[in-house]
Amino acid sequence: MDIKEIQKKATMVSNRYALSQDINRDDDWYVLKLQEEVGELIQSYLSFTNRGRKRDKSDAEIKGNFADELADIIGQTLLIADHHNIDIEDALENKWFKYLDK
């Protein structure tokens, strides 16, 4: 699966969620939701690295939760790109992958 297909699927999931929860996703929502997800990632990371509460979860559950939060960050980032018509593949090429040619 390529990144454009992943972005399309993430958008479909988000559209369903917004409809079912009656959420108005304006320009601010996308960035604010990303900030919320970053907070959840940090909380999960603290548990994952034994610096936060485990909440009666096994190490495997904690690692799974950390993976889920990473997925949320990537998904939300793709939603922001889609909402603003940004080609994330081009953005990665221009920002990150240009250093591979040096």
N, C-alpha and C. Protein backbone atom coordinates (compact mmCIF):
# COMPACT_ATOMS: atom_id res chain seq x y z
N MET A 1 0.85 -1.17 0.00
CA MET A 1 0.00 0.00 0.00
C MET A 1 0.90 1.24 0.00
N ASP A 2 0.60 2.18 -0.88
CA ASP A 2 1.41 3.40 -0.92
C ASP A 2 0.78 4.50 -0.06
N ILE A 3 1.52 5.58 0.10
CA ILE A 3 1.10 6.62 1.04
C ILE A 3 -0.20 7.30 0.59
N LYS A 4 -0.41 7.43 -0.70
CA LYS A 4 -1.66 8.05 -1.19
C LYS A 4 -2.86 7.18 -0.86
N GLU A 5 -2.69 5.88 -0.96
CA GLU A 5 -3.77 4.97 -0.61
C GLU A 5 -4.04 5.01 0.90
N ILE A 6 -2.98 5.06 1.68
CA ILE A 6 -3.13 5.18 3.14
C ILE A 6 -3.84 6.48 3.48
N GLN A 7 -3.45 7.57 2.82
CA GLN A 7 -4.09 8.87 3.06
C GLN A 7 -5.58 8.82 2.71
N LYS A 8 -5.91 8.20 1.61
CA LYS A 8 -7.32 8.07 1.19
C LYS A 8 -8.11 7.28 2.22
N LYS A 9 -7.54 6.18 2.71
CA LYS A 9 -8.23 5.37 3.72
C LYS A 9 -8.39 6.14 5.04
N ALA A 10 -7.35 6.87 5.43
CA ALA A 10 -7.44 7.66 6.66
C ALA A 10 -8.54 8.71 6.54
N THR A 11 -8.65 9.32 5.39
CA THR A 11 -9.69 10.32 5.16
C THR A 11 -11.07 9.68 5.22
N MET A 12 -11.21 8.51 4.65
CA MET A 12 -12.50 7.80 4.70
C MET A 12 -12.90 7.49 6.14
N VAL A 13 -11.95 7.02 6.93
CA VAL A 13 -12.22 6.72 8.34
C VAL A 13 -12.62 7.99 9.08
N SER A 14 -11.87 9.07 8.85
CA SER A 14 -12.16 10.33 9.52
C SER A 14 -13.53 10.87 9.12
N ASN A 15 -13.87 10.74 7.85
CA ASN A 15 -15.18 11.19 7.39
C ASN A 15 -16.31 10.43 8.09
N ARG A 16 -16.14 9.14 8.21
CA ARG A 16 -17.15 8.33 8.91
C ARG A 16 -17.26 8.72 10.38
N TYR A 17 -16.11 8.92 11.01
CA TYR A 17 -16.09 9.30 12.42
C TYR A 17 -16.76 10.66 12.62
N ALA A 18 -16.41 11.62 11.78
CA ALA A 18 -16.99 12.96 11.90
C ALA A 18 -18.50 12.92 11.73
N LEU A 19 -18.97 12.13 10.78
CA LEU A 19 -20.40 12.00 10.55
C LEU A 19 -21.10 11.34 11.73
N SER A 20 -20.54 10.27 12.23
CA SER A 20 -21.18 9.54 13.33
C SER A 20 -21.16 10.32 14.64
N GLN A 21 -20.16 11.19 14.82
CA GLN A 21 -20.02 11.96 16.06
C GLN A 21 -20.49 13.41 15.91
N ASP A 22 -20.98 13.76 14.73
CA ASP A 22 -21.45 15.11 14.43
C ASP A 22 -20.37 16.15 14.74
N ILE A 23 -19.18 15.93 14.17
CA ILE A 23 -18.03 16.82 14.40
C ILE A 23 -17.84 17.71 13.18
N ASN A 24 -17.73 18.99 13.42
CA ASN A 24 -17.43 19.96 12.38
C ASN A 24 -15.92 20.10 12.28
N ARG A 25 -15.34 19.60 11.22
CA ARG A 25 -13.89 19.65 11.05
C ARG A 25 -13.50 20.86 10.22
N ASP A 26 -13.29 21.99 10.88
CA ASP A 26 -12.82 23.18 10.19
C ASP A 26 -11.29 23.16 10.17
N ASP A 27 -10.69 24.21 9.63
CA ASP A 27 -9.22 24.24 9.51
C ASP A 27 -8.53 24.02 10.85
N ASP A 28 -9.03 24.65 11.90
CA ASP A 28 -8.43 24.52 13.22
C ASP A 28 -8.53 23.11 13.77
N TRP A 29 -9.62 22.42 13.49
CA TRP A 29 -9.84 21.09 14.06
C TRP A 29 -8.68 20.16 13.73
N TYR A 30 -8.22 20.18 12.50
CA TYR A 30 -7.17 19.25 12.08
C TYR A 30 -5.90 19.41 12.90
N VAL A 31 -5.49 20.64 13.13
CA VAL A 31 -4.27 20.89 13.90
C VAL A 31 -4.50 20.66 15.38
N LEU A 32 -5.65 21.09 15.89
CA LEU A 32 -5.94 20.87 17.31
C LEU A 32 -6.06 19.38 17.63
N LYS A 33 -6.64 18.63 16.73
CA LYS A 33 -6.76 17.17 16.93
C LYS A 33 -5.37 16.53 16.92
N LEU A 34 -4.48 17.02 16.06
CA LEU A 34 -3.10 16.51 16.07
C LEU A 34 -2.45 16.77 17.42
N GLN A 35 -2.65 17.96 17.98
CA GLN A 35 -2.09 18.28 19.29
C GLN A 35 -2.64 17.33 20.36
N GLU A 36 -3.93 17.04 20.30
CA GLU A 36 -4.52 16.09 21.24
C GLU A 36 -3.85 14.72 21.11
N GLU A 37 -3.64 14.30 19.89
CA GLU A 37 -3.01 12.99 19.65
C GLU A 37 -1.56 12.98 20.13
N VAL A 38 -0.85 14.09 19.98
CA VAL A 38 0.53 14.16 20.48
C VAL A 38 0.54 14.00 22.00
N GLY A 39 -0.42 14.61 22.68
CA GLY A 39 -0.52 14.44 24.13
C GLY A 39 -0.73 12.99 24.51
N GLU A 40 -1.59 12.31 23.77
CA GLU A 40 -1.84 10.89 24.03
C GLU A 40 -0.60 10.05 23.75
N LEU A 41 0.15 10.43 22.71
CA LEU A 41 1.39 9.72 22.41
C LEU A 41 2.39 9.88 23.55
N ILE A 42 2.52 11.09 24.08
CA ILE A 42 3.46 11.34 25.18
C ILE A 42 3.07 10.52 26.40
N GLN A 43 1.80 10.51 26.72
CA GLN A 43 1.33 9.72 27.87
C GLN A 43 1.65 8.24 27.66
N SER A 44 1.40 7.75 26.46
CA SER A 44 1.69 6.35 26.15
C SER A 44 3.19 6.07 26.19
N TYR A 45 3.98 7.01 25.68
CA TYR A 45 5.43 6.85 25.69
C TYR A 45 5.97 6.76 27.11
N LEU A 46 5.44 7.57 28.00
CA LEU A 46 5.89 7.52 29.39
C LEU A 46 5.63 6.15 30.01
N SER A 47 4.48 5.56 29.72
CA SER A 47 4.19 4.21 30.20
C SER A 47 5.11 3.19 29.54
N PHE A 48 5.31 3.35 28.24
CA PHE A 48 6.14 2.44 27.46
C PHE A 48 7.59 2.42 27.94
N THR A 49 8.06 3.56 28.42
CA THR A 49 9.45 3.67 28.87
C THR A 49 9.56 3.62 30.40
N ASN A 50 8.55 3.09 31.05
CA ASN A 50 8.52 2.91 32.50
C ASN A 50 8.68 4.20 33.29
N ARG A 51 8.13 5.28 32.76
CA ARG A 51 8.15 6.55 33.46
C ARG A 51 6.74 7.09 33.69
N GLY A 52 5.76 6.23 33.46
CA GLY A 52 4.36 6.61 33.66
C GLY A 52 3.58 5.42 34.18
N ARG A 53 2.33 5.68 34.52
CA ARG A 53 1.48 4.61 35.07
C ARG A 53 1.20 3.53 34.03
N LYS A 54 1.19 2.29 34.51
CA LYS A 54 0.92 1.16 33.62
C LYS A 54 -0.57 0.85 33.54
N ARG A 55 -1.34 1.33 34.52
CA ARG A 55 -2.79 1.17 34.53
C ARG A 55 -3.21 -0.29 34.38
N ASP A 56 -2.52 -1.16 35.10
CA ASP A 56 -2.81 -2.60 35.09
C ASP A 56 -2.74 -3.23 33.69
N LYS A 57 -1.90 -2.67 32.83
CA LYS A 57 -1.72 -3.22 31.49
C LYS A 57 -0.41 -3.99 31.43
N SER A 58 -0.41 -5.02 30.61
CA SER A 58 0.81 -5.79 30.40
C SER A 58 1.77 -4.99 29.52
N ASP A 59 3.03 -5.42 29.48
CA ASP A 59 4.00 -4.75 28.62
C ASP A 59 3.56 -4.81 27.16
N ALA A 60 2.98 -5.93 26.75
CA ALA A 60 2.50 -6.07 25.36
C ALA A 60 1.36 -5.10 25.08
N GLU A 61 0.46 -4.92 26.03
CA GLU A 61 -0.65 -3.97 25.85
C GLU A 61 -0.13 -2.54 25.78
N ILE A 62 0.85 -2.24 26.60
CA ILE A 62 1.44 -0.89 26.61
C ILE A 62 2.13 -0.62 25.28
N LYS A 63 2.88 -1.60 24.78
CA LYS A 63 3.53 -1.43 23.48
C LYS A 63 2.50 -1.28 22.37
N GLY A 64 1.43 -2.06 22.44
CA GLY A 64 0.36 -1.95 21.46
C GLY A 64 -0.30 -0.58 21.49
N ASN A 65 -0.50 -0.05 22.68
CA ASN A 65 -1.08 1.29 22.82
C ASN A 65 -0.14 2.35 22.25
N PHE A 66 1.15 2.19 22.49
CA PHE A 66 2.13 3.12 21.93
C PHE A 66 2.08 3.09 20.40
N ALA A 67 2.01 1.89 19.84
CA ALA A 67 1.91 1.74 18.38
C ALA A 67 0.63 2.40 17.86
N ASP A 68 -0.47 2.22 18.59
CA ASP A 68 -1.75 2.84 18.20
C ASP A 68 -1.64 4.36 18.19
N GLU A 69 -0.96 4.92 19.17
CA GLU A 69 -0.84 6.37 19.24
C GLU A 69 0.07 6.90 18.12
N LEU A 70 1.10 6.14 17.76
CA LEU A 70 1.92 6.52 16.61
C LEU A 70 1.08 6.52 15.34
N ALA A 71 0.23 5.51 15.20
CA ALA A 71 -0.67 5.44 14.05
C ALA A 71 -1.61 6.64 14.02
N ASP A 72 -2.11 7.05 15.19
CA ASP A 72 -2.98 8.23 15.25
C ASP A 72 -2.25 9.48 14.76
N ILE A 73 -0.99 9.63 15.14
CA ILE A 73 -0.20 10.80 14.72
C ILE A 73 -0.03 10.80 13.20
N ILE A 74 0.33 9.65 12.66
CA ILE A 74 0.51 9.57 11.21
C ILE A 74 -0.81 9.80 10.49
N GLY A 75 -1.87 9.16 10.97
CA GLY A 75 -3.19 9.34 10.35
C GLY A 75 -3.63 10.79 10.38
N GLN A 76 -3.49 11.44 11.52
CA GLN A 76 -3.92 12.83 11.64
C GLN A 76 -3.07 13.74 10.77
N THR A 77 -1.78 13.46 10.66
CA THR A 77 -0.91 14.25 9.79
C THR A 77 -1.34 14.11 8.34
N LEU A 78 -1.69 12.90 7.94
CA LEU A 78 -2.18 12.69 6.57
C LEU A 78 -3.49 13.41 6.33
N LEU A 79 -4.34 13.47 7.35
CA LEU A 79 -5.61 14.20 7.22
C LEU A 79 -5.36 15.69 7.01
N ILE A 80 -4.40 16.25 7.75
CA ILE A 80 -4.08 17.67 7.58
C ILE A 80 -3.59 17.91 6.15
N ALA A 81 -2.72 17.06 5.67
CA ALA A 81 -2.21 17.21 4.30
C ALA A 81 -3.35 17.12 3.29
N ASP A 82 -4.23 16.16 3.47
CA ASP A 82 -5.36 15.99 2.55
C ASP A 82 -6.27 17.21 2.59
N HIS A 83 -6.56 17.70 3.77
CA HIS A 83 -7.46 18.85 3.93
C HIS A 83 -6.91 20.09 3.22
N HIS A 84 -5.59 20.24 3.23
CA HIS A 84 -4.97 21.42 2.62
C HIS A 84 -4.38 21.14 1.24
N ASN A 85 -4.77 20.00 0.65
CA ASN A 85 -4.33 19.62 -0.70
C ASN A 85 -2.81 19.65 -0.84
N ILE A 86 -2.14 19.07 0.14
CA ILE A 86 -0.68 18.96 0.10
C ILE A 86 -0.32 17.54 -0.30
N ASP A 87 0.53 17.43 -1.30
CA ASP A 87 1.03 16.12 -1.71
C ASP A 87 2.15 15.75 -0.75
N ILE A 88 1.84 14.85 0.17
CA ILE A 88 2.78 14.52 1.23
C ILE A 88 4.02 13.82 0.69
N GLU A 89 3.87 13.08 -0.41
CA GLU A 89 5.04 12.45 -1.01
C GLU A 89 6.01 13.50 -1.53
N ASP A 90 5.48 14.52 -2.21
CA ASP A 90 6.35 15.61 -2.68
C ASP A 90 6.98 16.35 -1.51
N ALA A 91 6.19 16.58 -0.48
CA ALA A 91 6.72 17.29 0.70
C ALA A 91 7.86 16.51 1.34
N LEU A 92 7.71 15.21 1.44
CA LEU A 92 8.78 14.38 2.01
C LEU A 92 10.02 14.40 1.11
N GLU A 93 9.79 14.32 -0.19
CA GLU A 93 10.92 14.38 -1.14
C GLU A 93 11.68 15.69 -0.97
N ASN A 94 10.93 16.79 -0.92
CA ASN A 94 11.56 18.11 -0.86
C ASN A 94 12.20 18.42 0.49
N LYS A 95 11.64 17.91 1.56
CA LYS A 95 12.13 18.25 2.90
C LYS A 95 13.12 17.21 3.44
N TRP A 96 12.82 15.94 3.31
CA TRP A 96 13.63 14.88 3.93
C TRP A 96 14.56 14.19 2.96
N PHE A 97 14.01 13.72 1.86
CA PHE A 97 14.75 12.80 1.00
C PHE A 97 15.80 13.48 0.14
N LYS A 98 15.77 14.83 0.08
CA LYS A 98 16.80 15.54 -0.67
C LYS A 98 18.19 15.27 -0.09
N TYR A 99 18.24 14.92 1.17
CA TYR A 99 19.53 14.67 1.81
C TYR A 99 20.13 13.32 1.39
N LEU A 100 19.34 12.48 0.77
CA LEU A 100 19.84 11.19 0.31
C LEU A 100 20.67 11.34 -0.95
N ASP A 101 20.47 12.43 -1.66
CA ASP A 101 21.19 12.67 -2.92
C ASP A 101 22.57 13.27 -2.70
N LYS A 102 22.89 13.61 -1.47
CA LYS A 102 24.17 14.27 -1.20
C LYS A 102 25.26 13.28 -0.93
